[in-house]
C-alpha cells in the first residue's frame, strides 16, 4: 500500500511541479502566498494533533481506511509542505529536472519508510515497550518540527503578500 500511496503522491507532486503557479493563478484565482499561509495553518493544526495525541495523531488524520493507498498518501506524503516544495522545485528547475527531483525524493522517502517498517517489525517482538516509548518521544519531536515548519510557511506567505503592497 505504501507504494500505491507513493504513486498517488508522485502524480500530485509532478502536477504541481510542472503547473504550480498556473494552478494557483489561472485555475484557483489565488496566489501561492495564500496557499502558504493557509497550508502553514493546516500544518500547525497537524502539529497540535501530534502534541496532544502523540502516535495516534496519524490515525486521527488518516480517517476511514477503505481506500488505504489514499489514506497513506494524504497525511504522510501529501501535505502543504510537500506541495509547496514541489511548486518551488518546479520554479527553480527545468521541467525534466523538476520531475527527476520529485521522483527521486518520493522514491527515497518510500525506501526509508519501508526500511524503518522492517526494522520496527524485527525489533517489536523483542522490545515492544521500548519501541512504544520511542515512538511516543519521536512523535513529540516531530510535533516541534512540524510546528516550526508551519510557522515558517505562514510567515513566508505573509512576507510575500506584504511585499506585493
Protein backbone atom coordinates (compact mmCIF):
# COMPACT_ATOMS: atom_id res chain seq x y z
CA UNK A 1 0.00 0.00 0.00
CA UNK A 2 2.86 2.42 0.65
CA UNK A 3 3.94 2.08 -2.98
CA UNK A 4 0.41 2.90 -4.16
CA UNK A 5 0.37 5.89 -1.81
CA UNK A 6 3.76 6.91 -3.21
CA UNK A 7 2.44 6.72 -6.77
CA UNK A 8 -0.53 8.92 -5.85
CA UNK A 9 1.80 11.41 -4.15
CA UNK A 10 4.22 11.38 -7.10
CA UNK A 11 1.41 12.17 -9.54
CA UNK A 12 0.23 15.09 -7.39
CA UNK A 13 3.77 16.43 -6.92
CA UNK A 14 4.57 16.19 -10.63
CA UNK A 15 1.42 18.14 -11.48
CA UNK A 16 2.33 20.88 -9.02
CA UNK A 17 6.00 20.92 -10.07
CA UNK A 18 5.03 21.44 -13.70
CA UNK A 19 1.85 23.51 -13.33
CA UNK A 20 2.28 25.06 -9.86
CA UNK A 21 1.72 28.75 -10.47
CA UNK A 22 -0.71 28.05 -13.32
CA UNK A 23 -2.92 26.02 -10.97
CA UNK A 24 -3.00 28.82 -8.41
CA UNK A 25 -3.12 31.80 -10.77
CA UNK A 26 -5.42 30.56 -13.53
CA UNK A 27 -7.49 27.77 -12.06
CA UNK A 28 -7.91 28.82 -8.41
CA UNK A 29 -7.52 32.58 -8.99
CA UNK A 30 -5.31 32.74 -5.88
CA UNK A 31 -1.69 33.49 -5.18
CA UNK A 32 0.81 30.91 -3.97
CA UNK A 33 1.38 33.07 -0.87
CA UNK A 34 -2.25 32.48 0.15
CA UNK A 35 -1.65 28.73 -0.09
CA UNK A 36 1.47 29.09 2.04
CA UNK A 37 -0.45 30.96 4.74
CA UNK A 38 -3.38 28.53 4.79
CA UNK A 39 -1.11 25.49 4.40
CA UNK A 40 1.01 26.73 7.29
CA UNK A 41 -2.10 26.99 9.47
CA UNK A 42 -3.22 23.48 8.48
CA UNK A 43 0.27 22.18 9.19
CA UNK A 44 0.13 23.91 12.58
CA UNK A 45 -3.10 22.05 13.39
CA UNK A 46 -1.39 18.78 12.43
CA UNK A 47 1.47 19.70 14.77
CA UNK A 48 -1.02 20.29 17.58
CA UNK A 49 -2.55 16.87 16.88
CA UNK A 50 0.91 15.31 17.33
CA UNK A 51 1.43 17.24 20.59
CA UNK A 52 -1.92 16.33 22.13
CA UNK A 53 -2.48 12.84 20.72
CA UNK A 54 1.04 11.51 20.18
CA UNK A 55 1.33 8.47 17.89
CA UNK A 56 -2.43 8.20 17.43
CA UNK A 57 -2.40 11.52 15.52
CA UNK A 58 -1.73 9.72 12.23
CA UNK A 59 -4.77 7.50 12.82
CA UNK A 60 -6.87 10.59 13.56
CA UNK A 61 -5.63 12.37 10.43
CA UNK A 62 -5.90 9.31 8.19
CA UNK A 63 -9.62 8.81 8.76
CA UNK A 64 -11.52 5.89 7.24
CA UNK A 65 -9.20 3.31 5.68
CA UNK A 66 -11.46 1.98 2.90
CA UNK A 67 -9.07 3.46 0.35
CA UNK A 68 -5.81 2.60 2.11
CA UNK A 69 -3.45 3.94 -0.56
CA UNK A 70 -5.11 7.35 -0.44
CA UNK A 71 -5.19 7.22 3.35
CA UNK A 72 -1.42 6.64 3.39
CA UNK A 73 -0.71 9.29 0.77
CA UNK A 74 -2.72 12.11 2.29
CA UNK A 75 -1.44 12.61 5.83
CA UNK A 76 2.01 11.12 5.38
CA UNK A 77 3.18 12.17 1.93
CA UNK A 78 0.85 14.84 0.53
CA UNK A 79 0.57 17.97 2.62
CA UNK A 80 1.05 21.71 2.35
CA UNK A 81 4.81 21.46 2.89
CA UNK A 82 5.42 18.86 0.20
CA UNK A 83 3.14 20.57 -2.31
CA UNK A 84 4.94 23.87 -1.64
CA UNK A 85 8.28 22.14 -2.12
CA UNK A 86 7.06 20.70 -5.45
CA UNK A 87 5.99 24.14 -6.66
CA UNK A 88 9.32 25.69 -5.64
CA UNK A 89 11.26 22.87 -7.34
CA UNK A 90 9.18 23.46 -10.45
CA UNK A 91 10.01 27.18 -10.39
CA UNK A 92 13.76 26.67 -9.88
CA UNK A 93 14.41 23.77 -12.26
CA UNK A 94 13.50 22.98 -15.83
CA UNK A 95 10.52 20.59 -16.12
CA UNK A 96 12.60 17.43 -16.73
CA UNK A 97 14.94 18.13 -13.79
CA UNK A 98 11.97 19.01 -11.57
CA UNK A 99 10.30 15.69 -12.42
CA UNK A 100 13.55 13.82 -11.74
CA UNK A 101 13.90 15.59 -8.38
CA UNK A 102 10.32 14.73 -7.40
CA UNK A 103 10.72 11.08 -8.44
CA UNK A 104 14.00 10.80 -6.54
CA UNK A 105 12.61 12.43 -3.39
CA UNK A 106 9.48 10.25 -3.28
CA UNK A 107 11.45 7.09 -4.06
CA UNK A 108 13.96 7.79 -1.28
CA UNK A 109 11.12 8.62 1.13
CA UNK A 110 9.33 5.36 0.35
CA UNK A 111 12.54 3.36 0.71
CA UNK A 112 13.18 4.94 4.11
CA UNK A 113 9.60 4.27 5.26
CA UNK A 114 9.82 0.62 4.13
CA UNK A 115 13.24 0.17 5.78
CA UNK A 116 12.02 1.69 9.06
CA UNK A 117 8.93 -0.52 8.95
CA UNK A 118 11.15 -3.60 8.50
CA UNK A 119 13.35 -2.54 11.44
CA UNK A 120 10.22 -1.90 13.51
CA UNK A 121 8.74 -5.32 12.67
CA UNK A 122 12.04 -7.03 13.50
CA UNK A 123 12.57 -5.26 16.83
CA UNK A 124 8.97 -5.04 18.04
CA UNK A 125 8.54 -8.58 19.45
CA UNK A 126 11.72 -8.22 21.49
CA UNK A 127 11.41 -4.64 22.73
CA UNK A 128 7.77 -3.63 22.40
CA UNK A 129 7.67 -1.37 25.48
CA UNK A 130 10.86 0.42 24.45
CA UNK A 131 9.63 0.87 20.87
CA UNK A 132 6.29 2.30 22.04
CA UNK A 133 8.14 4.79 24.23
CA UNK A 134 10.48 5.72 21.36
CA UNK A 135 7.52 6.28 19.02
CA UNK A 136 5.91 8.49 21.68
CA UNK A 137 9.09 10.59 22.01
CA UNK A 138 9.66 10.72 18.23
CA UNK A 139 6.06 11.89 17.78
CA UNK A 140 6.56 14.76 20.22
CA UNK A 141 9.80 15.80 18.50
CA UNK A 142 8.04 15.58 15.15
CA UNK A 143 5.37 17.91 16.54
CA UNK A 144 8.02 20.52 17.29
CA UNK A 145 9.46 20.25 13.79
CA UNK A 146 6.03 20.34 12.14
CA UNK A 147 5.04 23.36 14.23
CA UNK A 148 8.26 25.18 13.36
CA UNK A 149 7.87 24.49 9.64
CA UNK A 150 4.23 25.56 9.75
CA UNK A 151 5.06 28.91 11.35
CA UNK A 152 7.85 29.43 8.79
CA UNK A 153 5.47 28.61 5.91
CA UNK A 154 2.88 31.03 7.24
CA UNK A 155 5.44 33.80 7.76
CA UNK A 156 6.90 33.27 4.29
CA UNK A 157 3.42 33.61 2.80
CA UNK A 158 2.76 36.75 4.86
CA UNK A 159 6.12 38.25 3.78
CA UNK A 160 5.31 37.57 0.13
CA UNK A 161 1.86 39.15 0.46
CA UNK A 162 3.24 42.22 2.27
CA UNK A 163 5.94 42.72 -0.40
CA UNK A 164 3.25 42.99 -3.09
CA UNK A 165 1.79 46.10 -1.42
